[in-house]
Amino acid sequence: MTHLLEVKDLSVTFRSDGAVIRAVNGISYTMDEGESIAIVGESGSGKSVGVLAVMGLIPTPPGRIESGAVLFDGRNLLELSEEEMRKVRGAEIAMVFQDPMTSLNPVLPIGLQLTEAIQTHQNVSKAAAQARAVEMLHLVGLPNAAERIRDFPFQFSGGQRQRIMIAMALTCNPRLLIADEPTTALDVTIQAQIVELTRELQSKLGMAIIWISHNLGLVAGVVERVIVMYSGFIVEEAPVDDLYERPLHPYTLGLLHAIPHVDARNQERLASIEGLPPDLRRPISGCPFAPRCPYRITQCDTLPPLVEAGPGRRSACWRWEELQGVTIFGEPL
């Protein structure tokens, strides 16, 4: 069976001030048609760099793809020319970026920005492209789309601009949509609306979605499967319900324990993960999370492999089997 997307042993580095920053370290995962997955982790975990590599958007220099393959419907995207990749971006794989304030051109009407994307990938007239643009703005719930298509980005709220970005990404019916923290700059009410809109559009259009986020609570109701990254490594992968009920990596456990709960008492403090991520300019020989991990043992000085840990599950922890009964970060094994 051919997967829609197959990332194999992907490694990405950046050169800065004479140092090599190892942003992504040999990650591998797959996804199928219509599937929704989340890639989660804190800032600097490599989650955004990994999908930018899929899109062919790593700036070179200073970035460089050191190894790996990105197979999209059987084609290795890393072997395509820039001209060939331009035909893939937008038409087959589209991306919504995290800051709608800067992703839209401030001096062009939104209609022009939408129709440009349509005419780039489809052989249609200007009138047909404009009709398609209005249709997509209606689809994402923008009121009075036919009139507002002549407006400029500053005339829209942050939530409306993000809806416009989603409409732009979907104009050519891509098979895969990558949403890179699309709710980061929005308040919680608008975040919920964007999440619900994304779910509705996936159900209606049947596209696959990769949702990039640092917020495990946000993606809980959006995706079927979660990939957890830390310091450029995949440390856990699981179906979403299994991950929340029984995490098999200490980092995942720490992230879940740090999520605020609506039933928490006022005097309860939010949990935190002590310490700092490793310096990515230095080679990592052991488990990257070991310096911050309350379950560290001597074996953690050796990098743990990402192993099968049950149906659809992988964990990169030497003690994943012992973690199965732990529900609170730092609780004794």
Protein backbone atom coordinates (compact mmCIF):
# COMPACT_ATOMS: atom_id res chain seq x y z
CA MET A 1 0.00 0.00 0.00
CA THR A 2 1.32 3.45 -0.95
CA HIS A 3 0.95 6.10 1.74
CA LEU A 4 -0.06 9.62 0.79
CA LEU A 5 2.99 10.95 2.63
CA GLU A 6 6.02 9.03 3.83
CA VAL A 7 8.85 10.84 5.57
CA LYS A 8 11.98 8.68 5.87
CA ASP A 9 14.99 9.44 8.08
CA LEU A 10 14.74 13.20 7.50
CA SER A 11 17.55 15.32 8.97
CA VAL A 12 17.83 19.11 8.66
CA THR A 13 20.64 21.37 9.87
CA PHE A 14 21.31 25.13 9.91
CA ARG A 15 24.66 26.91 9.88
CA SER A 16 24.95 29.93 12.18
CA ASP A 17 28.09 31.75 13.35
CA GLY A 18 30.25 28.78 12.49
CA ALA A 19 28.06 26.32 14.39
CA VAL A 20 25.83 23.54 13.03
CA ILE A 21 22.34 23.49 14.54
CA ARG A 22 20.76 20.05 14.28
CA ALA A 23 17.10 21.02 13.96
CA VAL A 24 15.66 17.68 12.79
CA ASN A 25 17.34 14.36 13.55
CA GLY A 26 16.31 11.42 11.37
CA ILE A 27 12.53 11.56 11.77
CA SER A 28 10.24 9.06 10.02
CA TYR A 29 6.45 8.85 9.83
CA THR A 30 3.64 8.13 7.38
CA MET A 31 0.10 9.32 6.76
CA ASP A 32 -2.71 8.21 4.48
CA GLU A 33 -5.40 9.88 2.36
CA GLY A 34 -7.89 11.80 4.50
CA GLU A 35 -6.00 11.18 7.74
CA SER A 36 -5.38 13.89 10.32
CA ILE A 37 -2.27 13.92 12.50
CA ALA A 38 -0.73 16.41 14.91
CA ILE A 39 2.98 17.07 15.39
CA VAL A 40 3.43 18.63 18.82
CA GLY A 41 6.31 19.89 20.93
CA GLU A 42 7.70 23.03 22.51
CA SER A 43 9.45 25.81 20.59
CA GLY A 44 12.66 24.53 19.01
CA SER A 45 11.51 20.91 18.88
CA GLY A 46 11.80 20.79 15.08
CA LYS A 47 8.11 20.36 14.29
CA SER A 48 7.84 23.36 11.95
CA VAL A 49 11.24 22.77 10.31
CA GLY A 50 10.18 19.21 9.52
CA VAL A 51 7.09 20.30 7.56
CA LEU A 52 8.94 23.17 5.87
CA ALA A 53 11.29 20.51 4.52
CA VAL A 54 8.26 18.62 3.19
CA MET A 55 7.15 21.81 1.41
CA GLY A 56 10.64 22.50 0.03
CA LEU A 57 10.81 25.77 1.96
CA ILE A 58 14.04 25.32 3.89
CA PRO A 59 16.19 28.39 3.04
CA THR A 60 19.52 27.26 1.61
CA PRO A 61 21.77 28.65 3.01
CA PRO A 62 21.70 28.61 6.01
CA GLY A 63 19.55 25.46 6.04
CA ARG A 64 20.39 22.11 4.54
CA ILE A 65 18.60 18.78 4.25
CA GLU A 66 21.33 16.36 5.30
CA SER A 67 19.55 13.07 4.62
CA GLY A 68 16.24 11.37 4.07
CA ALA A 69 13.36 11.21 1.63
CA VAL A 70 9.89 12.77 1.49
CA LEU A 71 7.61 10.58 -0.60
CA PHE A 72 4.30 12.19 -1.63
CA ASP A 73 2.12 9.70 -3.48
CA GLY A 74 5.30 7.79 -4.33
CA ARG A 75 7.34 10.78 -5.59
CA ASN A 76 10.39 11.93 -3.66
CA LEU A 77 9.80 15.67 -3.25
CA LEU A 78 13.42 16.23 -2.26
CA GLU A 79 14.50 15.22 -5.77
CA LEU A 80 12.21 17.68 -7.58
CA SER A 81 13.44 20.92 -9.09
CA GLU A 82 12.19 24.24 -7.71
CA GLU A 83 9.92 24.62 -10.75
CA GLU A 84 8.43 21.16 -10.16
CA MET A 85 7.94 21.93 -6.45
CA ARG A 86 6.05 25.13 -7.30
CA LYS A 87 3.52 22.96 -9.10
CA VAL A 88 3.13 20.79 -6.00
CA ARG A 89 2.85 23.65 -3.49
CA GLY A 90 -0.67 25.01 -3.40
CA ALA A 91 -2.07 22.53 -5.90
CA GLU A 92 -1.35 19.26 -4.06
CA ILE A 93 0.07 20.32 -0.70
CA ALA A 94 -0.97 23.61 0.88
CA MET A 95 0.14 25.32 4.07
CA VAL A 96 -1.48 27.73 6.50
CA PHE A 97 1.09 29.67 8.50
CA GLN A 98 0.80 30.71 12.13
CA ASP A 99 0.69 34.49 11.74
CA PRO A 100 -2.16 35.77 9.54
CA MET A 101 -1.03 39.34 10.23
CA THR A 102 2.15 38.93 8.16
CA SER A 103 1.23 36.08 5.79
CA LEU A 104 -1.03 38.27 3.64
CA ASN A 105 0.39 41.04 1.44
CA PRO A 106 -0.78 44.27 3.12
CA VAL A 107 -0.91 46.34 -0.09
CA LEU A 108 -2.98 43.96 -2.25
CA PRO A 109 -6.74 43.27 -2.00
CA ILE A 110 -7.47 39.79 -0.71
CA GLY A 111 -9.33 38.93 -3.90
CA LEU A 112 -6.21 39.52 -5.98
CA GLN A 113 -4.15 37.35 -3.62
CA LEU A 114 -6.69 34.53 -3.85
CA THR A 115 -7.15 34.66 -7.63
CA GLU A 116 -3.38 34.74 -8.18
CA ALA A 117 -3.06 31.40 -6.40
CA ILE A 118 -5.90 29.92 -8.45
CA GLN A 119 -4.59 31.12 -11.81
CA THR A 120 -1.07 29.94 -10.98
CA HIS A 121 -2.23 26.33 -10.71
CA GLN A 122 -5.38 26.18 -12.84
CA ASN A 123 -5.99 27.20 -16.45
CA VAL A 124 -9.04 29.39 -15.79
CA SER A 125 -10.12 32.90 -16.70
CA LYS A 126 -9.89 35.85 -14.30
CA ALA A 127 -13.67 35.81 -13.87
CA ALA A 128 -13.71 32.10 -13.06
CA ALA A 129 -10.85 32.56 -10.60
CA GLN A 130 -12.72 35.37 -8.87
CA ALA A 131 -15.88 33.28 -8.64
CA ARG A 132 -13.83 30.47 -7.11
CA ALA A 133 -12.28 32.92 -4.63
CA VAL A 134 -15.73 34.11 -3.50
CA GLU A 135 -16.87 30.49 -3.21
CA MET A 136 -13.93 29.65 -0.96
CA LEU A 137 -14.48 32.71 1.25
CA HIS A 138 -18.10 31.62 1.69
CA LEU A 139 -16.86 28.12 2.54
CA VAL A 140 -14.69 29.41 5.39
CA GLY A 141 -17.51 31.53 6.77
CA LEU A 142 -16.46 35.05 5.75
CA PRO A 143 -19.60 37.25 5.61
CA ASN A 144 -20.38 39.28 2.46
CA ALA A 145 -17.56 37.62 0.56
CA ALA A 146 -18.54 39.03 -2.86
CA GLU A 147 -18.28 42.59 -1.56
CA ARG A 148 -15.31 42.15 0.77
CA ILE A 149 -13.11 40.53 -1.84
CA ARG A 150 -11.96 44.05 -2.79
CA ASP A 151 -10.89 44.88 0.78
CA PHE A 152 -7.31 44.92 2.06
CA PRO A 153 -5.97 42.72 4.90
CA PHE A 154 -5.95 45.56 7.47
CA GLN A 155 -9.74 45.81 7.10
CA PHE A 156 -10.20 42.34 8.62
CA SER A 157 -9.86 41.02 12.16
CA GLY A 158 -7.18 38.46 13.05
CA GLY A 159 -9.68 35.61 12.96
CA GLN A 160 -11.02 36.73 9.58
CA ARG A 161 -7.49 36.96 8.17
CA GLN A 162 -6.81 33.41 9.29
CA ARG A 163 -10.01 32.28 7.55
CA ILE A 164 -8.78 34.04 4.41
CA MET A 165 -5.46 32.19 4.70
CA ILE A 166 -7.32 28.88 4.99
CA ALA A 167 -9.46 29.79 1.95
CA MET A 168 -6.29 30.60 -0.01
CA ALA A 169 -4.76 27.25 0.94
CA LEU A 170 -7.85 25.36 -0.20
CA THR A 171 -8.53 27.11 -3.51
CA CYS A 172 -6.93 24.32 -5.57
CA ASN A 173 -8.34 21.39 -3.55
CA PRO A 174 -5.03 20.12 -2.14
CA ARG A 175 -4.80 16.53 -0.98
CA LEU A 176 -2.75 17.57 2.07
CA LEU A 177 -3.15 20.69 4.21
CA ILE A 178 -0.40 21.62 6.68
CA ALA A 179 -1.60 23.97 9.44
CA ASP A 180 1.43 25.41 11.24
CA GLU A 181 0.08 26.69 14.57
CA PRO A 182 -2.70 28.64 12.80
CA THR A 183 -4.31 29.78 16.07
CA THR A 184 -1.21 31.07 17.90
CA ALA A 185 -1.95 34.79 17.49
CA LEU A 186 -5.70 34.47 18.18
CA ASP A 187 -7.75 34.63 21.37
CA VAL A 188 -9.25 31.42 22.74
CA THR A 189 -12.73 32.00 21.32
CA ILE A 190 -11.39 32.52 17.79
CA GLN A 191 -9.03 29.56 18.29
CA ALA A 192 -12.03 27.32 18.93
CA GLN A 193 -13.76 28.65 15.80
CA ILE A 194 -10.70 27.98 13.62
CA VAL A 195 -10.33 24.46 15.04
CA GLU A 196 -13.99 23.70 14.38
CA LEU A 197 -13.76 25.19 10.88
CA THR A 198 -10.77 22.98 10.09
CA ARG A 199 -12.66 19.88 11.25
CA GLU A 200 -15.68 20.79 9.13
CA LEU A 201 -13.57 21.45 6.03
CA GLN A 202 -11.72 18.16 6.36
CA SER A 203 -15.01 16.30 6.66
CA LYS A 204 -16.43 18.13 3.66
CA LEU A 205 -13.37 18.04 1.38
CA GLY A 206 -11.73 14.76 2.45
CA MET A 207 -8.21 16.16 2.58
CA ALA A 208 -5.45 14.98 4.88
CA ILE A 209 -4.24 17.41 7.55
CA ILE A 210 -1.00 17.84 9.50
CA TRP A 211 -1.65 20.10 12.46
CA ILE A 212 1.49 21.63 14.01
CA SER A 213 1.09 22.81 17.61
CA HIS A 214 2.76 23.22 20.98
CA ASN A 215 -0.63 22.73 22.64
CA LEU A 216 -1.68 19.13 23.27
CA GLY A 217 -5.02 20.30 24.64
CA LEU A 218 -5.88 22.15 21.44
CA VAL A 219 -5.36 19.22 19.07
CA ALA A 220 -7.23 16.66 21.18
CA GLY A 221 -10.46 16.97 19.23
CA VAL A 222 -8.92 17.65 15.83
CA VAL A 223 -6.70 14.70 14.91
CA GLU A 224 -6.61 10.91 14.92
CA ARG A 225 -2.92 10.46 15.67
CA VAL A 226 -0.25 12.48 17.51
CA ILE A 227 3.51 12.64 16.94
CA VAL A 228 5.49 14.19 19.81
CA MET A 229 8.83 15.85 19.02
CA TYR A 230 11.60 16.98 21.34
CA SER A 231 14.93 18.57 20.32
CA GLY A 232 14.56 17.42 16.72
CA PHE A 233 13.64 13.81 17.57
CA ILE A 234 10.32 11.98 17.48
CA VAL A 235 9.95 10.69 21.05
CA GLU A 236 6.43 9.24 20.87
CA GLU A 237 3.64 8.47 18.41
CA ALA A 238 0.17 7.16 19.23
CA PRO A 239 -3.54 7.30 18.38
CA VAL A 240 -4.85 10.44 20.08
CA ASP A 241 -7.01 8.67 22.71
CA ASP A 242 -4.21 6.28 23.66
CA LEU A 243 -1.75 9.14 24.02
CA TYR A 244 -3.95 11.03 26.45
CA GLU A 245 -4.96 7.97 28.44
CA ARG A 246 -1.56 6.25 28.62
CA PRO A 247 1.49 8.26 27.49
CA LEU A 248 4.63 6.17 27.07
CA HIS A 249 7.30 8.86 27.19
CA PRO A 250 8.15 11.13 30.15
CA TYR A 251 8.13 14.24 27.96
CA THR A 252 4.58 13.52 26.77
CA LEU A 253 3.56 12.87 30.36
CA GLY A 254 5.02 16.23 31.38
CA LEU A 255 3.19 18.05 28.58
CA LEU A 256 -0.13 16.46 29.51
CA HIS A 257 0.36 17.20 33.19
CA ALA A 258 0.96 20.88 32.34
CA ILE A 259 -2.42 21.32 30.59
CA PRO A 260 -4.82 23.45 32.70
CA HIS A 261 -7.97 21.60 33.78
CA VAL A 262 -11.36 23.28 34.11
CA ASP A 263 -12.07 21.38 37.33
CA ALA A 264 -8.77 22.36 38.97
CA ARG A 265 -8.98 24.09 42.34
CA ASN A 266 -7.85 27.72 42.48
CA GLN A 267 -4.91 26.93 44.76
CA GLU A 268 -3.50 24.28 42.41
CA ARG A 269 -0.42 25.44 40.52
CA LEU A 270 0.23 24.45 36.93
CA ALA A 271 2.83 21.74 36.62
CA SER A 272 6.05 22.50 34.77
CA ILE A 273 8.99 20.58 33.34
CA GLU A 274 12.12 21.75 35.11
CA GLY A 275 15.26 22.59 33.16
CA LEU A 276 15.94 23.60 29.56
CA PRO A 277 16.12 21.75 26.23
CA PRO A 278 19.61 20.75 25.08
CA ASP A 279 21.83 23.01 23.00
CA LEU A 280 21.21 21.86 19.42
CA ARG A 281 24.67 23.06 18.39
CA ARG A 282 26.15 20.15 20.31
CA PRO A 283 25.81 16.48 19.30
CA ILE A 284 23.32 14.54 21.41
CA SER A 285 24.61 11.09 22.33
CA GLY A 286 22.00 10.03 24.89
CA CYS A 287 18.29 10.62 25.36
CA PRO A 288 17.73 14.34 24.64
CA PHE A 289 15.18 14.58 27.47
CA ALA A 290 17.35 12.83 30.07
CA PRO A 291 18.68 16.01 31.80
CA ARG A 292 15.08 17.04 32.62
CA CYS A 293 13.64 13.59 33.24
CA PRO A 294 12.73 12.35 36.75
CA TYR A 295 12.93 8.74 35.51
CA ARG A 296 16.50 8.94 34.20
CA ILE A 297 18.71 5.86 34.60
CA THR A 298 22.27 5.13 33.51
CA GLN A 299 21.03 3.57 30.26
CA CYS A 300 19.64 6.98 29.24
CA ASP A 301 23.19 8.06 28.43
CA THR A 302 22.64 6.02 25.26
CA LEU A 303 20.16 7.34 22.68
CA PRO A 304 17.01 5.16 22.89
CA PRO A 305 15.57 3.86 19.61
CA LEU A 306 12.01 4.68 18.56
CA VAL A 307 10.41 1.25 19.06
CA GLU A 308 6.99 -0.28 18.55
CA ALA A 309 5.10 -0.01 21.84
CA GLY A 310 1.68 -1.38 20.86
CA PRO A 311 -0.78 -1.06 17.96
CA GLY A 312 0.01 2.18 16.17
CA ARG A 313 2.34 3.23 18.99
CA ARG A 314 6.04 4.13 19.13
CA SER A 315 8.15 5.38 22.02
CA ALA A 316 11.79 6.45 22.34
CA CYS A 317 12.23 5.69 26.03
CA TRP A 318 14.19 2.89 27.67
CA ARG A 319 11.51 2.64 30.39
CA TRP A 320 8.32 2.94 28.32
CA GLU A 321 6.90 -0.34 29.63
CA GLU A 322 7.28 0.84 33.24
CA LEU A 323 5.61 4.17 32.44
CA GLN A 324 2.28 2.57 31.54
CA GLY A 325 0.86 2.96 35.04
CA VAL A 326 2.16 6.48 35.70
CA THR A 327 -0.43 9.28 35.53
CA ILE A 328 1.45 12.22 37.07
CA PHE A 329 4.79 13.57 35.86
CA GLY A 330 7.43 12.77 38.46
CA GLU A 331 5.39 10.03 40.13
CA PRO A 332 7.64 7.11 41.19
CA LEU A 333 7.78 4.12 38.86
